[in-house]
N, C-alpha and C. Protein backbone atom coordinates (compact mmCIF):
# COMPACT_ATOMS: atom_id res chain seq x y z
N MET A 1 110.42 3.62 -93.93
CA MET A 1 111.26 5.16 -93.70
C MET A 1 112.60 5.16 -94.94
N GLU A 2 112.63 5.95 -95.73
CA GLU A 2 113.62 6.56 -96.58
C GLU A 2 114.80 6.94 -96.16
N ASN A 3 116.01 6.03 -96.38
CA ASN A 3 117.44 7.17 -95.99
C ASN A 3 117.75 8.25 -97.08
N LYS A 4 117.96 9.37 -96.41
CA LYS A 4 118.05 10.27 -97.42
C LYS A 4 119.75 10.98 -96.67
N ILE A 5 120.40 10.97 -97.78
CA ILE A 5 121.68 11.49 -97.60
C ILE A 5 121.66 13.51 -97.90
N LEU A 6 121.82 14.06 -97.17
CA LEU A 6 121.75 15.54 -97.41
C LEU A 6 123.45 16.16 -97.23
N ILE A 7 123.64 17.20 -97.81
CA ILE A 7 125.05 17.77 -98.45
C ILE A 7 124.77 18.81 -97.28
N LEU A 8 125.87 18.91 -96.21
CA LEU A 8 125.26 20.49 -95.45
C LEU A 8 126.65 21.37 -95.76
N ASN A 9 126.27 22.96 -96.18
CA ASN A 9 127.42 23.44 -96.09
C ASN A 9 127.84 23.79 -94.73
N GLU A 10 128.76 24.82 -94.27
CA GLU A 10 129.17 25.29 -92.98
C GLU A 10 127.60 26.10 -92.38
N THR A 11 127.43 27.03 -93.22
CA THR A 11 126.44 27.82 -93.08
C THR A 11 125.00 26.88 -92.65
N LEU A 12 124.37 25.90 -93.10
CA LEU A 12 123.10 24.94 -92.93
C LEU A 12 123.41 24.19 -91.86
N LEU A 13 125.06 23.97 -91.31
CA LEU A 13 125.43 22.94 -90.42
C LEU A 13 125.20 23.88 -89.13
N ASP A 14 125.40 25.18 -88.95
CA ASP A 14 125.34 26.09 -87.78
C ASP A 14 124.03 26.48 -87.72
N GLN A 15 123.33 26.32 -88.61
CA GLN A 15 121.89 26.57 -88.29
C GLN A 15 121.11 26.06 -88.38
N LEU A 16 121.13 24.10 -88.47
CA LEU A 16 120.73 23.23 -87.78
C LEU A 16 121.30 22.78 -86.49
N VAL A 17 122.44 22.82 -86.29
CA VAL A 17 123.03 23.12 -84.90
C VAL A 17 122.50 24.08 -83.64
N ASP A 18 121.92 25.17 -84.26
CA ASP A 18 121.37 26.24 -83.41
C ASP A 18 120.30 26.12 -83.20
N LYS A 19 119.31 25.48 -83.67
CA LYS A 19 117.83 25.06 -83.90
C LYS A 19 117.79 23.59 -82.86
N LEU A 20 118.79 22.25 -83.21
CA LEU A 20 118.37 21.70 -81.99
C LEU A 20 118.83 22.10 -80.92
N VAL A 21 119.99 22.71 -80.78
CA VAL A 21 120.37 23.34 -79.01
C VAL A 21 119.19 24.18 -78.31
N ASN A 22 118.44 25.01 -79.23
CA ASN A 22 117.04 25.75 -79.09
C ASN A 22 116.13 24.29 -79.06
N LYS A 23 116.05 23.87 -79.22
CA LYS A 23 114.78 22.50 -79.09
C LYS A 23 115.11 21.59 -77.73
N ILE A 24 116.41 21.78 -77.77
CA ILE A 24 116.75 20.97 -76.46
C ILE A 24 116.50 21.53 -75.17
N ALA A 25 117.11 23.03 -75.41
CA ALA A 25 116.65 23.62 -74.16
C ALA A 25 115.53 24.30 -73.99
N ASN A 26 114.49 24.26 -75.03
CA ASN A 26 113.27 24.70 -74.29
C ASN A 26 112.45 22.98 -73.75
N SER A 27 112.93 22.10 -74.82
CA SER A 27 111.92 20.63 -73.76
C SER A 27 112.78 20.69 -72.68
N SER A 28 113.85 20.47 -72.26
CA SER A 28 114.73 20.37 -70.75
C SER A 28 113.51 21.78 -69.62
N GLN A 29 113.41 22.36 -70.38
CA GLN A 29 112.73 23.67 -69.49
C GLN A 29 111.33 23.36 -69.30
N ASN A 30 110.46 22.62 -70.47
CA ASN A 30 109.14 22.15 -70.23
C ASN A 30 108.87 21.14 -69.59
N HIS A 31 110.07 20.02 -69.53
CA HIS A 31 110.00 18.49 -69.02
C HIS A 31 110.19 18.82 -67.70
N GLN A 32 110.85 19.87 -67.11
CA GLN A 32 111.28 20.67 -65.72
C GLN A 32 109.97 20.72 -65.16
N ASN A 33 109.58 19.77 -64.06
CA ASN A 33 107.71 19.98 -63.49
C ASN A 33 108.13 20.67 -62.16
N ASP A 34 107.06 21.04 -61.48
CA ASP A 34 106.71 21.72 -60.62
C ASP A 34 107.80 20.81 -59.07
N SER A 35 107.39 19.54 -59.12
CA SER A 35 107.85 18.93 -58.28
C SER A 35 109.51 19.23 -57.64
N GLU A 36 109.99 19.76 -58.58
CA GLU A 36 111.23 20.25 -58.46
C GLU A 36 111.44 21.57 -57.71
N GLU A 37 110.62 22.41 -57.75
CA GLU A 37 110.42 23.21 -57.14
C GLU A 37 111.48 23.67 -55.68
N LEU A 38 111.93 24.18 -55.28
CA LEU A 38 112.51 24.83 -53.78
C LEU A 38 111.56 25.41 -53.27
N LEU A 39 110.52 24.77 -51.82
CA LEU A 39 110.05 25.46 -51.16
C LEU A 39 110.76 26.35 -49.74
N ASP A 40 109.98 27.16 -49.23
CA ASP A 40 110.23 27.32 -47.74
C ASP A 40 109.34 27.23 -47.09
N VAL A 41 109.72 27.06 -45.57
CA VAL A 41 108.82 26.89 -44.70
C VAL A 41 107.38 27.52 -44.75
N THR A 42 107.16 28.64 -44.91
CA THR A 42 105.82 29.51 -45.12
C THR A 42 105.04 28.63 -46.40
N GLN A 43 105.91 28.56 -47.74
CA GLN A 43 105.09 27.30 -48.82
C GLN A 43 104.48 26.25 -48.17
N THR A 44 106.06 25.65 -47.97
CA THR A 44 105.54 24.18 -47.38
C THR A 44 104.68 24.18 -46.89
N SER A 45 104.50 24.99 -45.43
CA SER A 45 103.27 24.51 -44.39
C SER A 45 101.98 24.97 -45.25
N GLN A 46 102.00 25.44 -45.80
CA GLN A 46 100.88 25.84 -47.09
C GLN A 46 100.50 24.86 -47.63
N LEU A 47 101.74 24.07 -48.53
CA LEU A 47 101.22 23.05 -49.50
C LEU A 47 100.67 21.58 -48.52
N ILE A 48 101.23 21.35 -47.37
CA ILE A 48 100.84 20.32 -46.81
C ILE A 48 99.57 20.57 -45.77
N LYS A 49 99.17 22.06 -45.81
CA LYS A 49 98.23 22.22 -44.73
C LYS A 49 98.53 21.97 -43.02
N LEU A 50 99.73 22.23 -43.09
CA LEU A 50 99.98 22.23 -40.95
C LEU A 50 100.68 23.65 -40.72
N THR A 51 100.47 24.08 -39.73
CA THR A 51 101.20 25.48 -39.10
C THR A 51 102.67 25.28 -38.90
N LYS A 52 103.65 26.36 -38.97
CA LYS A 52 104.34 26.92 -39.10
C LYS A 52 105.17 25.88 -37.36
N PRO A 53 104.77 26.15 -36.69
CA PRO A 53 105.40 25.54 -35.61
C PRO A 53 105.25 23.97 -35.73
N THR A 54 104.09 23.62 -36.28
CA THR A 54 104.36 22.02 -36.83
C THR A 54 105.11 21.73 -37.39
N LEU A 55 105.38 22.49 -38.24
CA LEU A 55 106.40 21.81 -39.33
C LEU A 55 107.93 21.82 -38.89
N TYR A 56 108.34 23.12 -38.06
CA TYR A 56 109.18 23.13 -37.30
C TYR A 56 109.65 22.22 -36.33
N GLY A 57 108.40 21.36 -35.95
CA GLY A 57 108.05 20.02 -34.86
C GLY A 57 108.86 18.88 -35.61
N LEU A 58 108.17 18.72 -36.95
CA LEU A 58 108.72 17.74 -37.55
C LEU A 58 110.09 17.68 -38.05
N VAL A 59 110.64 19.01 -38.08
CA VAL A 59 111.71 19.34 -38.59
C VAL A 59 112.97 19.14 -37.44
N HIS A 60 112.32 19.24 -36.45
CA HIS A 60 113.19 18.95 -35.05
C HIS A 60 113.00 17.48 -35.04
N LYS A 61 112.40 16.62 -34.98
CA LYS A 61 112.38 15.22 -35.05
C LYS A 61 112.69 14.55 -36.17
N ASN A 62 113.25 15.40 -37.30
CA ASN A 62 113.65 14.63 -38.26
C ASN A 62 112.73 13.86 -38.85
N LYS A 63 111.60 14.14 -39.05
CA LYS A 63 110.20 13.24 -39.50
C LYS A 63 109.94 13.98 -41.24
N ILE A 64 110.61 14.49 -41.23
CA ILE A 64 110.36 15.45 -42.53
C ILE A 64 111.49 15.71 -43.74
N PRO A 65 111.45 15.31 -44.97
CA PRO A 65 112.98 15.80 -45.62
C PRO A 65 113.20 17.42 -45.44
N PHE A 66 114.19 17.96 -45.18
CA PHE A 66 114.43 19.04 -45.68
C PHE A 66 115.80 19.09 -45.69
N TYR A 67 116.17 20.70 -45.93
CA TYR A 67 117.79 21.32 -46.05
C TYR A 67 117.83 22.41 -45.47
N LYS A 68 118.88 22.58 -44.43
CA LYS A 68 119.31 23.37 -43.86
C LYS A 68 120.28 24.50 -44.70
N LYS A 69 120.21 25.48 -45.04
CA LYS A 69 121.51 26.35 -45.39
C LYS A 69 121.48 27.56 -44.26
N GLY A 70 122.33 27.27 -43.56
CA GLY A 70 122.44 28.59 -42.31
C GLY A 70 121.42 28.72 -41.46
N LYS A 71 120.76 29.39 -41.67
CA LYS A 71 119.44 29.55 -40.25
C LYS A 71 118.20 29.44 -41.39
N LYS A 72 118.24 28.99 -42.59
CA LYS A 72 116.93 28.90 -43.81
C LYS A 72 116.52 27.18 -43.62
N LEU A 73 115.34 27.08 -43.95
CA LEU A 73 114.98 25.83 -43.98
C LEU A 73 114.33 25.65 -45.58
N TYR A 74 114.66 24.51 -46.16
CA TYR A 74 114.12 24.41 -47.59
C TYR A 74 113.62 22.84 -47.94
N PHE A 75 112.54 23.03 -48.55
CA PHE A 75 112.51 21.37 -48.83
C PHE A 75 111.78 21.42 -50.36
N TYR A 76 112.55 20.40 -50.77
CA TYR A 76 111.94 20.08 -52.40
C TYR A 76 110.54 19.58 -52.48
N LYS A 77 109.69 20.23 -53.01
CA LYS A 77 108.17 19.67 -53.44
C LYS A 77 108.17 18.55 -53.48
N SER A 78 109.09 17.30 -54.35
CA SER A 78 109.03 16.43 -55.24
C SER A 78 108.82 15.41 -53.74
N GLU A 79 110.19 16.00 -52.78
CA GLU A 79 110.36 14.98 -51.63
C GLU A 79 108.93 15.05 -50.96
N ILE A 80 108.84 16.34 -50.23
CA ILE A 80 107.52 16.49 -49.31
C ILE A 80 106.33 15.87 -50.21
N LEU A 81 106.14 15.76 -51.19
CA LEU A 81 104.90 14.83 -51.73
C LEU A 81 105.34 13.33 -51.45
N LYS A 82 106.54 13.00 -51.61
CA LYS A 82 106.71 11.22 -51.72
C LYS A 82 106.33 11.19 -50.07
N TRP A 83 106.76 12.08 -49.41
CA TRP A 83 106.68 11.88 -47.75
C TRP A 83 105.55 11.64 -47.85
N ILE A 84 104.57 12.17 -48.26
CA ILE A 84 103.16 12.52 -47.68
C ILE A 84 102.80 11.09 -48.21
N ASP A 85 102.93 10.67 -49.47
CA ASP A 85 102.45 9.19 -50.49
C ASP A 85 103.09 8.19 -49.02
N SER A 86 103.94 8.51 -48.62
CA SER A 86 104.60 7.19 -47.89
C SER A 86 103.73 6.88 -46.38
N GLY A 87 102.80 8.03 -45.86
CA GLY A 87 102.12 7.82 -45.13
C GLY A 87 101.11 7.09 -44.95
N ARG A 88 100.57 6.79 -46.38
CA ARG A 88 99.59 6.56 -46.95
C ARG A 88 98.81 4.95 -46.11
N SER A 89 97.66 5.02 -45.75
CA SER A 89 97.30 4.21 -44.83
C SER A 89 96.60 2.94 -45.79
N THR A 90 96.32 1.75 -45.48
CA THR A 90 95.69 0.81 -46.16
C THR A 90 94.20 0.73 -45.89
N SER A 91 93.64 0.91 -46.99
CA SER A 91 92.40 0.97 -47.10
C SER A 91 91.46 -0.87 -47.02
N GLU A 92 90.17 -1.07 -46.52
CA GLU A 92 89.74 -2.25 -46.01
C GLU A 92 89.99 -2.75 -47.27
N SER A 93 89.83 -2.49 -48.70
CA SER A 93 89.34 -3.27 -49.42
C SER A 93 90.79 -3.66 -50.26
N ASP A 94 92.16 -2.62 -50.00
CA ASP A 94 93.26 -3.02 -50.38
C ASP A 94 93.76 -4.46 -49.22
N LEU A 95 93.33 -4.29 -47.96
CA LEU A 95 93.62 -5.21 -47.30
C LEU A 95 93.12 -6.78 -47.73
N GLU A 96 91.83 -6.39 -47.97
CA GLU A 96 91.00 -7.84 -48.64
C GLU A 96 91.70 -8.25 -49.80
N GLN A 97 92.20 -7.72 -50.74
CA GLN A 97 93.00 -7.87 -52.22
C GLN A 97 93.83 -8.93 -51.30
N VAL A 98 94.98 -7.96 -50.64
CA VAL A 98 96.16 -8.66 -50.25
C VAL A 98 95.86 -10.16 -49.94
N ALA A 99 94.61 -10.59 -48.82
CA ALA A 99 94.14 -11.49 -48.28
C ALA A 99 93.67 -12.21 -49.25
N ASN A 100 92.97 -12.08 -50.32
CA ASN A 100 92.73 -12.91 -51.29
C ASN A 100 93.79 -13.71 -51.85
N ASN A 101 94.89 -11.84 -52.16
CA ASN A 101 96.01 -12.91 -52.70
C ASN A 101 96.87 -13.98 -52.26
N TYR A 102 96.76 -13.45 -50.81
CA TYR A 102 96.96 -14.56 -49.93
C TYR A 102 97.02 -15.85 -49.86
N ILE A 103 95.59 -16.00 -49.84
CA ILE A 103 94.86 -17.34 -49.98
C ILE A 103 95.02 -18.15 -51.30
N PHE A 104 94.90 -17.15 -52.48
CA PHE A 104 95.11 -18.08 -53.47
C PHE A 104 96.23 -18.50 -53.89
N LYS A 105 97.39 -17.46 -53.75
CA LYS A 105 98.73 -18.53 -53.56
C LYS A 105 99.01 -19.29 -52.72
N ASN A 106 98.96 -19.45 -51.71
CA ASN A 106 98.77 -20.66 -50.32
C ASN A 106 97.62 -21.38 -49.99
N ASN A 107 97.04 -21.63 -51.28
CA ASN A 107 95.56 -22.67 -51.08
C ASN A 107 95.93 -23.83 -50.68
N LYS A 108 95.49 -24.31 -49.44
CA LYS A 108 95.74 -25.76 -49.22
C LYS A 108 94.34 -26.59 -48.84
N PHE A 109 93.09 -25.65 -49.29
CA PHE A 109 91.96 -26.28 -49.64
C PHE A 109 91.21 -27.26 -50.63
């Protein structure tokens, strides 16, 4: 890659700065994903396919991440998806892999 030196006047510099600012603004908007979306009770219950009373029960027991502002409940989609992932049960093949790794690591035969 060849280094080039450019001489810019004030107008060209302003145009370059504006172009960069627009690129950064567009880039940050595009990189914001849906998982940072703020959801209400209805949207959250639809996302995780639970009834509203069940969702309120999980909130009451502090078993689900939530935010409360006044009388309103809010949920971040990313936190709800992480909460669901944290409840993943271990499959039989996963258990076999863990057992095999343990046997290999602690081979006494």
